[in-house]
Amino acid sequence: MFNHKALLFSLMAAAAGTIATASTAQAGEWAANHPRRVEVNSRLANQNNRIHREVKDGQMSKGEAQTLHHDDRQIRQEERDMASQDNSHITRTDQHALNQQENQVSRQIGQ
């Protein structure tokens, strides 16, 4: 005997799963370009360029640069960890904490 209710339930469950997957993908794309994440990561890229310029100009040793790059990588990893806990975005509190860490590294560049 054919069970129409079971078939209907299966089809509805499959459709719901498809919709959930599609909306998660869209949310992930949006969150990856979230303004707070973009701002934090842009600052990290800018600091990376400043470090490279200082090494090239002879204002910073490669050892000093390596230490600062390591600090920036740790900040970037922390940003990723924070984003993974909040549906691919960071909160204002997260951004503030990351900016404070970036400020500490930034002050060491150009001394």
PDB file of N, CA and C in Angstrom:
ATOM      1  N   MET A   1       0.838  -1.179   0.000  1.00  0.00           N
ATOM      2  CA  MET A   1       0.000   0.000   0.000  1.00  0.00           C
ATOM      3  C   MET A   1       0.883   1.243   0.000  1.00  0.00           C
ATOM      4  N   PHE A   2       0.556   2.214  -0.826  1.00  0.00           N
ATOM      5  CA  PHE A   2       1.329   3.437  -0.996  1.00  0.00           C
ATOM      6  C   PHE A   2       0.919   4.456   0.061  1.00  0.00           C
ATOM      7  N   ASN A   3       1.887   5.026   0.744  1.00  0.00           N
ATOM      8  CA  ASN A   3       1.620   5.985   1.812  1.00  0.00           C
ATOM      9  C   ASN A   3       1.861   7.397   1.296  1.00  0.00           C
ATOM     10  N   HIS A   4       0.792   8.109   0.978  1.00  0.00           N
ATOM     11  CA  HIS A   4       0.880   9.467   0.441  1.00  0.00           C
ATOM     12  C   HIS A   4       1.443  10.440   1.476  1.00  0.00           C
ATOM     13  N   LYS A   5       1.093  10.243   2.727  1.00  0.00           N
ATOM     14  CA  LYS A   5       1.586  11.155   3.765  1.00  0.00           C
ATOM     15  C   LYS A   5       3.105  11.041   3.907  1.00  0.00           C
ATOM     16  N   ALA A   6       3.636   9.839   3.831  1.00  0.00           N
ATOM     17  CA  ALA A   6       5.083   9.638   3.945  1.00  0.00           C
ATOM     18  C   ALA A   6       5.805  10.276   2.760  1.00  0.00           C
ATOM     19  N   LEU A   7       5.252  10.118   1.558  1.00  0.00           N
ATOM     20  CA  LEU A   7       5.850  10.725   0.373  1.00  0.00           C
ATOM     21  C   LEU A   7       5.820  12.248   0.474  1.00  0.00           C
ATOM     22  N   LEU A   8       4.693  12.789   0.878  1.00  0.00           N
ATOM     23  CA  LEU A   8       4.553  14.237   1.025  1.00  0.00           C
ATOM     24  C   LEU A   8       5.544  14.756   2.067  1.00  0.00           C
ATOM     25  N   PHE A   9       5.661  14.081   3.181  1.00  0.00           N
ATOM     26  CA  PHE A   9       6.602  14.484   4.234  1.00  0.00           C
ATOM     27  C   PHE A   9       8.031  14.460   3.715  1.00  0.00           C
ATOM     28  N   SER A  10       8.395  13.420   2.973  1.00  0.00           N
ATOM     29  CA  SER A  10       9.750  13.301   2.413  1.00  0.00           C
ATOM     30  C   SER A  10      10.042  14.441   1.443  1.00  0.00           C
ATOM     31  N   LEU A  11       9.091  14.759   0.595  1.00  0.00           N
ATOM     32  CA  LEU A  11       9.272  15.848  -0.367  1.00  0.00           C
ATOM     33  C   LEU A  11       9.406  17.194   0.334  1.00  0.00           C
ATOM     34  N   MET A  12       8.602  17.394   1.359  1.00  0.00           N
ATOM     35  CA  MET A  12       8.674  18.653   2.107  1.00  0.00           C
ATOM     36  C   MET A  12      10.017  18.772   2.834  1.00  0.00           C
ATOM     37  N   ALA A  13      10.495  17.693   3.401  1.00  0.00           N
ATOM     38  CA  ALA A  13      11.780  17.706   4.102  1.00  0.00           C
ATOM     39  C   ALA A  13      12.920  17.993   3.129  1.00  0.00           C
ATOM     40  N   ALA A  14      12.871  17.402   1.952  1.00  0.00           N
ATOM     41  CA  ALA A  14      13.909  17.641   0.940  1.00  0.00           C
ATOM     42  C   ALA A  14      13.881  19.093   0.485  1.00  0.00           C
ATOM     43  N   ALA A  15      12.698  19.648   0.272  1.00  0.00           N
ATOM     44  CA  ALA A  15      12.582  21.045  -0.153  1.00  0.00           C
ATOM     45  C   ALA A  15      13.100  21.978   0.940  1.00  0.00           C
ATOM     46  N   ALA A  16      12.773  21.700   2.172  1.00  0.00           N
ATOM     47  CA  ALA A  16      13.242  22.531   3.283  1.00  0.00           C
ATOM     48  C   ALA A  16      14.763  22.490   3.380  1.00  0.00           C
ATOM     49  N   GLY A  17      15.342  21.333   3.182  1.00  0.00           N
ATOM     50  CA  GLY A  17      16.806  21.211   3.211  1.00  0.00           C
ATOM     51  C   GLY A  17      17.461  21.993   2.103  1.00  0.00           C
ATOM     52  N   THR A  18      16.874  21.979   0.924  1.00  0.00           N
ATOM     53  CA  THR A  18      17.403  22.733  -0.215  1.00  0.00           C
ATOM     54  C   THR A  18      17.330  24.229   0.053  1.00  0.00           C
ATOM     55  N   ILE A  19      16.227  24.690   0.573  1.00  0.00           N
ATOM     56  CA  ILE A  19      16.062  26.116   0.886  1.00  0.00           C
ATOM     57  C   ILE A  19      17.042  26.527   1.973  1.00  0.00           C
ATOM     58  N   ALA A  20      17.205  25.725   3.003  1.00  0.00           N
ATOM     59  CA  ALA A  20      18.134  26.046   4.087  1.00  0.00           C
ATOM     60  C   ALA A  20      19.562  26.131   3.575  1.00  0.00           C
ATOM     61  N   THR A  21      19.949  25.221   2.693  1.00  0.00           N
ATOM     62  CA  THR A  21      21.295  25.240   2.125  1.00  0.00           C
ATOM     63  C   THR A  21      21.510  26.490   1.291  1.00  0.00           C
ATOM     64  N   ALA A  22      20.544  26.842   0.479  1.00  0.00           N
ATOM     65  CA  ALA A  22      20.664  28.031  -0.371  1.00  0.00           C
ATOM     66  C   ALA A  22      20.753  29.293   0.467  1.00  0.00           C
ATOM     67  N   SER A  23      19.933  29.416   1.511  1.00  0.00           N
ATOM     68  CA  SER A  23      19.972  30.627   2.321  1.00  0.00           C
ATOM     69  C   SER A  23      21.253  30.700   3.141  1.00  0.00           C
ATOM     70  N   THR A  24      21.805  29.571   3.569  1.00  0.00           N
ATOM     71  CA  THR A  24      23.066  29.560   4.287  1.00  0.00           C
ATOM     72  C   THR A  24      24.190  30.016   3.381  1.00  0.00           C
ATOM     73  N   ALA A  25      24.180  29.577   2.145  1.00  0.00           N
ATOM     74  CA  ALA A  25      25.216  29.986   1.192  1.00  0.00           C
ATOM     75  C   ALA A  25      25.150  31.483   0.960  1.00  0.00           C
ATOM     76  N   GLN A  26      23.942  32.019   0.789  1.00  0.00           N
ATOM     77  CA  GLN A  26      23.801  33.450   0.581  1.00  0.00           C
ATOM     78  C   GLN A  26      24.258  34.221   1.810  1.00  0.00           C
ATOM     79  N   ALA A  27      23.900  33.755   2.994  1.00  0.00           N
ATOM     80  CA  ALA A  27      24.312  34.437   4.223  1.00  0.00           C
ATOM     81  C   ALA A  27      25.821  34.391   4.367  1.00  0.00           C
ATOM     82  N   GLY A  28      26.442  33.274   4.000  1.00  0.00           N
ATOM     83  CA  GLY A  28      27.896  33.154   4.092  1.00  0.00           C
ATOM     84  C   GLY A  28      28.595  34.117   3.164  1.00  0.00           C
ATOM     85  N   GLU A  29      28.075  34.279   1.934  1.00  0.00           N
ATOM     86  CA  GLU A  29      28.650  35.236   0.999  1.00  0.00           C
ATOM     87  C   GLU A  29      28.519  36.645   1.541  1.00  0.00           C
ATOM     88  N   TRP A  30      27.365  36.976   2.084  1.00  0.00           N
ATOM     89  CA  TRP A  30      27.150  38.317   2.629  1.00  0.00           C
ATOM     90  C   TRP A  30      28.083  38.564   3.795  1.00  0.00           C
ATOM     91  N   ALA A  31      28.168  37.602   4.707  1.00  0.00           N
ATOM     92  CA  ALA A  31      28.963  37.800   5.908  1.00  0.00           C
ATOM     93  C   ALA A  31      30.449  37.901   5.598  1.00  0.00           C
ATOM     94  N   ALA A  32      30.923  37.189   4.577  1.00  0.00           N
ATOM     95  CA  ALA A  32      32.340  37.258   4.238  1.00  0.00           C
ATOM     96  C   ALA A  32      32.720  38.665   3.807  1.00  0.00           C
ATOM     97  N   ASN A  33      31.779  39.426   3.291  1.00  0.00           N
ATOM     98  CA  ASN A  33      32.023  40.800   2.878  1.00  0.00           C
ATOM     99  C   ASN A  33      31.398  41.798   3.846  1.00  0.00           C
ATOM    100  N   HIS A  34      31.132  41.354   5.039  1.00  0.00           N
ATOM    101  CA  HIS A  34      30.541  42.228   6.044  1.00  0.00           C
ATOM    102  C   HIS A  34      31.488  43.392   6.333  1.00  0.00           C
ATOM    103  N   PRO A  35      30.963  44.610   6.434  1.00  0.00           N
ATOM    104  CA  PRO A  35      31.823  45.786   6.618  1.00  0.00           C
ATOM    105  C   PRO A  35      32.815  45.687   7.781  1.00  0.00           C
ATOM    106  N   ARG A  36      32.417  45.079   8.871  1.00  0.00           N
ATOM    107  CA  ARG A  36      33.350  44.984  10.007  1.00  0.00           C
ATOM    108  C   ARG A  36      34.518  44.065   9.677  1.00  0.00           C
ATOM    109  N   ARG A  37      34.236  42.955   8.998  1.00  0.00           N
ATOM    110  CA  ARG A  37      35.325  42.047   8.601  1.00  0.00           C
ATOM    111  C   ARG A  37      36.203  42.700   7.546  1.00  0.00           C
ATOM    112  N   VAL A  38      35.599  43.386   6.599  1.00  0.00           N
ATOM    113  CA  VAL A  38      36.367  44.055   5.550  1.00  0.00           C
ATOM    114  C   VAL A  38      37.294  45.100   6.167  1.00  0.00           C
ATOM    115  N   GLU A  39      36.782  45.862   7.126  1.00  0.00           N
ATOM    116  CA  GLU A  39      37.593  46.909   7.761  1.00  0.00           C
ATOM    117  C   GLU A  39      38.789  46.304   8.478  1.00  0.00           C
ATOM    118  N   VAL A  40      38.565  45.266   9.260  1.00  0.00           N
ATOM    119  CA  VAL A  40      39.648  44.617   9.999  1.00  0.00           C
ATOM    120  C   VAL A  40      40.680  44.051   9.027  1.00  0.00           C
ATOM    121  N   ASN A  41      40.225  43.342   8.025  1.00  0.00           N
ATOM    122  CA  ASN A  41      41.151  42.711   7.078  1.00  0.00           C
ATOM    123  C   ASN A  41      41.862  43.727   6.190  1.00  0.00           C
ATOM    124  N   SER A  42      41.223  44.845   5.883  1.00  0.00           N
ATOM    125  CA  SER A  42      41.881  45.905   5.121  1.00  0.00           C
ATOM    126  C   SER A  42      43.016  46.521   5.932  1.00  0.00           C
ATOM    127  N   ARG A  43      42.776  46.706   7.219  1.00  0.00           N
ATOM    128  CA  ARG A  43      43.833  47.235   8.085  1.00  0.00           C
ATOM    129  C   ARG A  43      45.017  46.277   8.138  1.00  0.00           C
ATOM    130  N   LEU A  44      44.725  44.977   8.227  1.00  0.00           N
ATOM    131  CA  LEU A  44      45.810  43.997   8.254  1.00  0.00           C
ATOM    132  C   LEU A  44      46.614  44.035   6.959  1.00  0.00           C
ATOM    133  N   ALA A  45      45.936  44.163   5.834  1.00  0.00           N
ATOM    134  CA  ALA A  45      46.630  44.243   4.544  1.00  0.00           C
ATOM    135  C   ALA A  45      47.478  45.508   4.463  1.00  0.00           C
ATOM    136  N   ASN A  46      46.940  46.612   4.958  1.00  0.00           N
ATOM    137  CA  ASN A  46      47.676  47.872   4.960  1.00  0.00           C
ATOM    138  C   ASN A  46      48.936  47.758   5.838  1.00  0.00           C
ATOM    139  N   GLN A  47      48.788  47.150   6.997  1.00  0.00           N
ATOM    140  CA  GLN A  47      49.947  46.979   7.878  1.00  0.00           C
ATOM    141  C   GLN A  47      50.992  46.078   7.228  1.00  0.00           C
ATOM    142  N   ASN A  48      50.552  45.053   6.530  1.00  0.00           N
ATOM    143  CA  ASN A  48      51.465  44.165   5.823  1.00  0.00           C
ATOM    144  C   ASN A  48      52.285  44.956   4.800  1.00  0.00           C
ATOM    145  N   ASN A  49      51.610  45.836   4.053  1.00  0.00           N
ATOM    146  CA  ASN A  49      52.302  46.657   3.060  1.00  0.00           C
ATOM    147  C   ASN A  49      53.285  47.619   3.729  1.00  0.00           C
ATOM    148  N   ARG A  50      52.894  48.202   4.839  1.00  0.00           N
ATOM    149  CA  ARG A  50      53.785  49.124   5.557  1.00  0.00           C
ATOM    150  C   ARG A  50      55.042  48.396   6.045  1.00  0.00           C
ATOM    151  N   ILE A  51      54.864  47.188   6.551  1.00  0.00           N
ATOM    152  CA  ILE A  51      56.012  46.400   7.023  1.00  0.00           C
ATOM    153  C   ILE A  51      56.956  46.119   5.860  1.00  0.00           C
ATOM    154  N   HIS A  52      56.405  45.678   4.728  1.00  0.00           N
ATOM    155  CA  HIS A  52      57.237  45.388   3.552  1.00  0.00           C
ATOM    156  C   HIS A  52      58.001  46.626   3.081  1.00  0.00           C
ATOM    157  N   ARG A  53      57.332  47.784   3.083  1.00  0.00           N
ATOM    158  CA  ARG A  53      57.989  49.025   2.675  1.00  0.00           C
ATOM    159  C   ARG A  53      59.154  49.371   3.593  1.00  0.00           C
ATOM    160  N   GLU A  54      58.938  49.191   4.897  1.00  0.00           N
ATOM    161  CA  GLU A  54      59.994  49.537   5.854  1.00  0.00           C
ATOM    162  C   GLU A  54      61.203  48.621   5.714  1.00  0.00           C
ATOM    163  N   VAL A  55      60.958  47.346   5.434  1.00  0.00           N
ATOM    164  CA  VAL A  55      62.084  46.422   5.220  1.00  0.00           C
ATOM    165  C   VAL A  55      62.822  46.829   3.948  1.00  0.00           C
ATOM    166  N   LYS A  56      62.057  47.110   2.901  1.00  0.00           N
ATOM    167  CA  LYS A  56      62.658  47.504   1.617  1.00  0.00           C
ATOM    168  C   LYS A  56      63.480  48.783   1.763  1.00  0.00           C
ATOM    169  N   ASP A  57      62.987  49.732   2.546  1.00  0.00           N
ATOM    170  CA  ASP A  57      63.680  51.005   2.741  1.00  0.00           C
ATOM    171  C   ASP A  57      64.808  50.916   3.765  1.00  0.00           C
ATOM    172  N   GLY A  58      64.965  49.750   4.394  1.00  0.00           N
ATOM    173  CA  GLY A  58      66.027  49.572   5.380  1.00  0.00           C
ATOM    174  C   GLY A  58      65.711  50.146   6.749  1.00  0.00           C
ATOM    175  N   GLN A  59      64.455  50.499   6.988  1.00  0.00           N
ATOM    176  CA  GLN A  59      64.048  51.071   8.271  1.00  0.00           C
ATOM    177  C   GLN A  59      63.698  50.003   9.297  1.00  0.00           C
ATOM    178  N   MET A  60      63.580  48.757   8.840  1.00  0.00           N
ATOM    179  CA  MET A  60      63.201  47.653   9.726  1.00  0.00           C
ATOM    180  C   MET A  60      63.971  46.411   9.287  1.00  0.00           C
ATOM    181  N   SER A  61      64.426  45.646  10.276  1.00  0.00           N
ATOM    182  CA  SER A  61      65.134  44.405   9.944  1.00  0.00           C
ATOM    183  C   SER A  61      64.121  43.328   9.560  1.00  0.00           C
ATOM    184  N   LYS A  62      64.611  42.310   8.888  1.00  0.00           N
ATOM    185  CA  LYS A  62      63.736  41.187   8.522  1.00  0.00           C
ATOM    186  C   LYS A  62      63.226  40.471   9.761  1.00  0.00           C
ATOM    187  N   GLY A  63      64.017  40.417  10.808  1.00  0.00           N
ATOM    188  CA  GLY A  63      63.580  39.792  12.056  1.00  0.00           C
ATOM    189  C   GLY A  63      62.436  40.550  12.701  1.00  0.00           C
ATOM    190  N   GLU A  64      62.541  41.886  12.706  1.00  0.00           N
ATOM    191  CA  GLU A  64      61.451  42.706  13.251  1.00  0.00           C
ATOM    192  C   GLU A  64      60.188  42.525  12.410  1.00  0.00           C
ATOM    193  N   ALA A  65      60.371  42.498  11.102  1.00  0.00           N
ATOM    194  CA  ALA A  65      59.233  42.307  10.203  1.00  0.00           C
ATOM    195  C   ALA A  65      58.571  40.956  10.441  1.00  0.00           C
ATOM    196  N   GLN A  66      59.385  39.939  10.621  1.00  0.00           N
ATOM    197  CA  GLN A  66      58.845  38.600  10.857  1.00  0.00           C
ATOM    198  C   GLN A  66      57.990  38.578  12.127  1.00  0.00           C
ATOM    199  N   THR A  67      58.447  39.248  13.162  1.00  0.00           N
ATOM    200  CA  THR A  67      57.680  39.309  14.417  1.00  0.00           C
ATOM    201  C   THR A  67      56.341  40.014  14.200  1.00  0.00           C
ATOM    202  N   LEU A  68      56.361  41.138  13.480  1.00  0.00           N
ATOM    203  CA  LEU A  68      55.123  41.881  13.229  1.00  0.00           C
ATOM    204  C   LEU A  68      54.177  41.104  12.321  1.00  0.00           C
ATOM    205  N   HIS A  69      54.731  40.423  11.320  1.00  0.00           N
ATOM    206  CA  HIS A  69      53.884  39.578  10.456  1.00  0.00           C
ATOM    207  C   HIS A  69      53.238  38.461  11.282  1.00  0.00           C
ATOM    208  N   HIS A  70      53.978  37.909  12.196  1.00  0.00           N
ATOM    209  CA  HIS A  70      53.440  36.852  13.070  1.00  0.00           C
ATOM    210  C   HIS A  70      52.282  37.411  13.895  1.00  0.00           C
ATOM    211  N   ASP A  71      52.470  38.607  14.450  1.00  0.00           N
ATOM    212  CA  ASP A  71      51.399  39.232  15.240  1.00  0.00           C
ATOM    213  C   ASP A  71      50.158  39.463  14.383  1.00  0.00           C
ATOM    214  N   ASP A  72      50.359  39.948  13.151  1.00  0.00           N
ATOM    215  CA  ASP A  72      49.220  40.170  12.255  1.00  0.00           C
ATOM    216  C   ASP A  72      48.520  38.865  11.890  1.00  0.00           C
ATOM    217  N   ARG A  73      49.287  37.798  11.676  1.00  0.00           N
ATOM    218  CA  ARG A  73      48.669  36.497  11.375  1.00  0.00           C
ATOM    219  C   ARG A  73      47.825  36.010  12.543  1.00  0.00           C
ATOM    220  N   GLN A  74      48.297  36.271  13.758  1.00  0.00           N
ATOM    221  CA  GLN A  74      47.506  35.866  14.928  1.00  0.00           C
ATOM    222  C   GLN A  74      46.205  36.660  15.005  1.00  0.00           C
ATOM    223  N   ILE A  75      46.272  37.947  14.695  1.00  0.00           N
ATOM    224  CA  ILE A  75      45.057  38.773  14.687  1.00  0.00           C
ATOM    225  C   ILE A  75      44.097  38.257  13.621  1.00  0.00           C
ATOM    226  N   ARG A  76      44.628  37.947  12.441  1.00  0.00           N
ATOM    227  CA  ARG A  76      43.786  37.427  11.348  1.00  0.00           C
ATOM    228  C   ARG A  76      43.133  36.105  11.747  1.00  0.00           C
ATOM    229  N   GLN A  77      43.879  35.240  12.408  1.00  0.00           N
ATOM    230  CA  GLN A  77      43.311  33.966  12.847  1.00  0.00           C
ATOM    231  C   GLN A  77      42.226  34.196  13.896  1.00  0.00           C
ATOM    232  N   GLU A  78      42.465  35.148  14.783  1.00  0.00           N
ATOM    233  CA  GLU A  78      41.449  35.457  15.793  1.00  0.00           C
ATOM    234  C   GLU A  78      40.182  35.997  15.122  1.00  0.00           C
ATOM    235  N   GLU A  79      40.344  36.824  14.084  1.00  0.00           N
ATOM    236  CA  GLU A  79      39.194  37.340  13.343  1.00  0.00           C
ATOM    237  C   GLU A  79      38.407  36.189  12.721  1.00  0.00           C
ATOM    238  N   ARG A  80      39.105  35.233  12.137  1.00  0.00           N
ATOM    239  CA  ARG A  80      38.439  34.068  11.544  1.00  0.00           C
ATOM    240  C   ARG A  80      37.720  33.246  12.605  1.00  0.00           C
ATOM    241  N   ASP A  81      38.380  33.063  13.756  1.00  0.00           N
ATOM    242  CA  ASP A  81      37.762  32.296  14.836  1.00  0.00           C
ATOM    243  C   ASP A  81      36.492  32.989  15.336  1.00  0.00           C
ATOM    244  N   MET A  82      36.573  34.304  15.496  1.00  0.00           N
ATOM    245  CA  MET A  82      35.394  35.059  15.948  1.00  0.00           C
ATOM    246  C   MET A  82      34.266  34.940  14.930  1.00  0.00           C
ATOM    247  N   ALA A  83      34.609  35.061  13.653  1.00  0.00           N
ATOM    248  CA  ALA A  83      33.591  34.972  12.604  1.00  0.00           C
ATOM    249  C   ALA A  83      32.955  33.590  12.572  1.00  0.00           C
ATOM    250  N   SER A  84      33.744  32.563  12.816  1.00  0.00           N
ATOM    251  CA  SER A  84      33.193  31.202  12.783  1.00  0.00           C
ATOM    252  C   SER A  84      32.196  30.971  13.912  1.00  0.00           C
ATOM    253  N   GLN A  85      32.279  31.768  14.951  1.00  0.00           N
ATOM    254  CA  GLN A  85      31.368  31.617  16.086  1.00  0.00           C
ATOM    255  C   GLN A  85      30.100  32.456  15.926  1.00  0.00           C
ATOM    256  N   ASP A  86      30.109  33.386  14.970  1.00  0.00           N
ATOM    257  CA  ASP A  86      28.969  34.285  14.787  1.00  0.00           C
ATOM    258  C   ASP A  86      28.462  34.295  13.349  1.00  0.00           C
ATOM    259  N   ASN A  87      28.224  33.118  12.786  1.00  0.00           N
ATOM    260  CA  ASN A  87      27.637  33.013  11.441  1.00  0.00           C
ATOM    261  C   ASN A  87      28.398  33.816  10.395  1.00  0.00           C
ATOM    262  N   SER A  88      29.711  33.734  10.426  1.00  0.00           N
ATOM    263  CA  SER A  88      30.603  34.344   9.429  1.00  0.00           C
ATOM    264  C   SER A  88      30.691  35.861   9.494  1.00  0.00           C
ATOM    265  N   HIS A  89      30.325  36.444  10.608  1.00  0.00           N
ATOM    266  CA  HIS A  89      30.580  37.873  10.767  1.00  0.00           C
ATOM    267  C   HIS A  89      31.133  38.123  12.158  1.00  0.00           C
ATOM    268  N   ILE A  90      31.638  39.328  12.388  1.00  0.00           N
ATOM    269  CA  ILE A  90      32.142  39.670  13.715  1.00  0.00           C
ATOM    270  C   ILE A  90      31.264  40.757  14.304  1.00  0.00           C
ATOM    271  N   THR A  91      31.158  40.751  15.615  1.00  0.00           N
ATOM    272  CA  THR A  91      30.357  41.746  16.313  1.00  0.00           C
ATOM    273  C   THR A  91      31.152  43.039  16.466  1.00  0.00           C
ATOM    274  N   ARG A  92      30.488  44.087  16.875  1.00  0.00           N
ATOM    275  CA  ARG A  92      31.186  45.355  17.132  1.00  0.00           C
ATOM    276  C   ARG A  92      32.211  45.191  18.250  1.00  0.00           C
ATOM    277  N   THR A  93      31.881  44.411  19.241  1.00  0.00           N
ATOM    278  CA  THR A  93      32.819  44.150  20.335  1.00  0.00           C
ATOM    279  C   THR A  93      34.050  43.421  19.817  1.00  0.00           C
ATOM    280  N   ASP A  94      33.842  42.431  18.940  1.00  0.00           N
ATOM    281  CA  ASP A  94      34.961  41.711  18.316  1.00  0.00           C
ATOM    282  C   ASP A  94      35.826  42.684  17.525  1.00  0.00           C
ATOM    283  N   GLN A  95      35.173  43.524  16.725  1.00  0.00           N
ATOM    284  CA  GLN A  95      35.903  44.477  15.899  1.00  0.00           C
ATOM    285  C   GLN A  95      36.726  45.419  16.766  1.00  0.00           C
ATOM    286  N   HIS A  96      36.161  45.882  17.847  1.00  0.00           N
ATOM    287  CA  HIS A  96      36.877  46.787  18.755  1.00  0.00           C
ATOM    288  C   HIS A  96      38.118  46.105  19.322  1.00  0.00           C
ATOM    289  N   ALA A  97      37.972  44.870  19.753  1.00  0.00           N
ATOM    290  CA  ALA A  97      39.110  44.130  20.310  1.00  0.00           C
ATOM    291  C   ALA A  97      40.198  43.924  19.257  1.00  0.00           C
ATOM    292  N   LEU A  98      39.800  43.569  18.043  1.00  0.00           N
ATOM    293  CA  LEU A  98      40.763  43.362  16.972  1.00  0.00           C
ATOM    294  C   LEU A  98      41.452  44.674  16.588  1.00  0.00           C
ATOM    295  N   ASN A  99      40.693  45.772  16.551  1.00  0.00           N
ATOM    296  CA  ASN A  99      41.286  47.069  16.236  1.00  0.00           C
ATOM    297  C   ASN A  99      42.314  47.482  17.289  1.00  0.00           C
ATOM    298  N   GLN A 100      42.055  47.194  18.542  1.00  0.00           N
ATOM    299  CA  GLN A 100      43.030  47.513  19.587  1.00  0.00           C
ATOM    300  C   GLN A 100      44.323  46.724  19.373  1.00  0.00           C
ATOM    301  N   GLN A 101      44.195  45.472  19.010  1.00  0.00           N
ATOM    302  CA  GLN A 101      45.386  44.660  18.733  1.00  0.00           C
ATOM    303  C   GLN A 101      46.128  45.189  17.509  1.00  0.00           C
ATOM    304  N   GLU A 102      45.380  45.578  16.478  1.00  0.00           N
ATOM    305  CA  GLU A 102      46.009  46.134  15.284  1.00  0.00           C
ATOM    306  C   GLU A 102      46.712  47.453  15.599  1.00  0.00           C
ATOM    307  N   ASN A 103      46.123  48.243  16.496  1.00  0.00           N
ATOM    308  CA  ASN A 103      46.745  49.512  16.892  1.00  0.00           C
ATOM    309  C   ASN A 103      48.102  49.262  17.552  1.00  0.00           C
ATOM    310  N   GLN A 104      48.194  48.231  18.363  1.00  0.00           N
ATOM    311  CA  GLN A 104      49.465  47.897  19.014  1.00  0.00           C
ATOM    312  C   GLN A 104      50.532  47.540  17.986  1.00  0.00           C
ATOM    313  N   VAL A 105      50.170  46.747  16.989  1.00  0.00           N
ATOM    314  CA  VAL A 105      51.126  46.382  15.942  1.00  0.00           C
ATOM    315  C   VAL A 105      51.475  47.631  15.120  1.00  0.00           C
ATOM    316  N   SER A 106      50.463  48.432  14.776  1.00  0.00           N
ATOM    317  CA  SER A 106      50.683  49.613  13.959  1.00  0.00           C
ATOM    318  C   SER A 106      51.680  50.576  14.611  1.00  0.00           C
ATOM    319  N   ARG A 107      51.604  50.724  15.924  1.00  0.00           N
ATOM    320  CA  ARG A 107      52.526  51.635  16.623  1.00  0.00           C
ATOM    321  C   ARG A 107      53.971  51.149  16.548  1.00  0.00           C
ATOM    322  N   GLN A 108      54.173  49.860  16.328  1.00  0.00           N
ATOM    323  CA  GLN A 108      55.522  49.319  16.222  1.00  0.00           C
ATOM    324  C   GLN A 108      56.110  49.498  14.833  1.00  0.00           C
ATOM    325  N   ILE A 109      55.271  49.818  13.874  1.00  0.00           N
ATOM    326  CA  ILE A 109      55.742  50.050  12.506  1.00  0.00           C
ATOM    327  C   ILE A 109      56.117  51.537  12.407  1.00  0.00           C
ATOM    328  N   GLY A 110      57.287  51.811  11.904  1.00  0.00           N
ATOM    329  CA  GLY A 110      57.702  53.190  11.703  1.00  0.00           C
ATOM    330  C   GLY A 110      58.340  53.831  12.917  1.00  0.00           C
ATOM    331  N   GLN A 111      58.785  53.044  13.849  1.00  0.00           N
ATOM    332  CA  GLN A 111      59.459  53.613  15.023  1.00  0.00           C
ATOM    333  C   GLN A 111      60.884  53.916  14.725  1.00  0.00           C
TER     334      GLN A 111
END
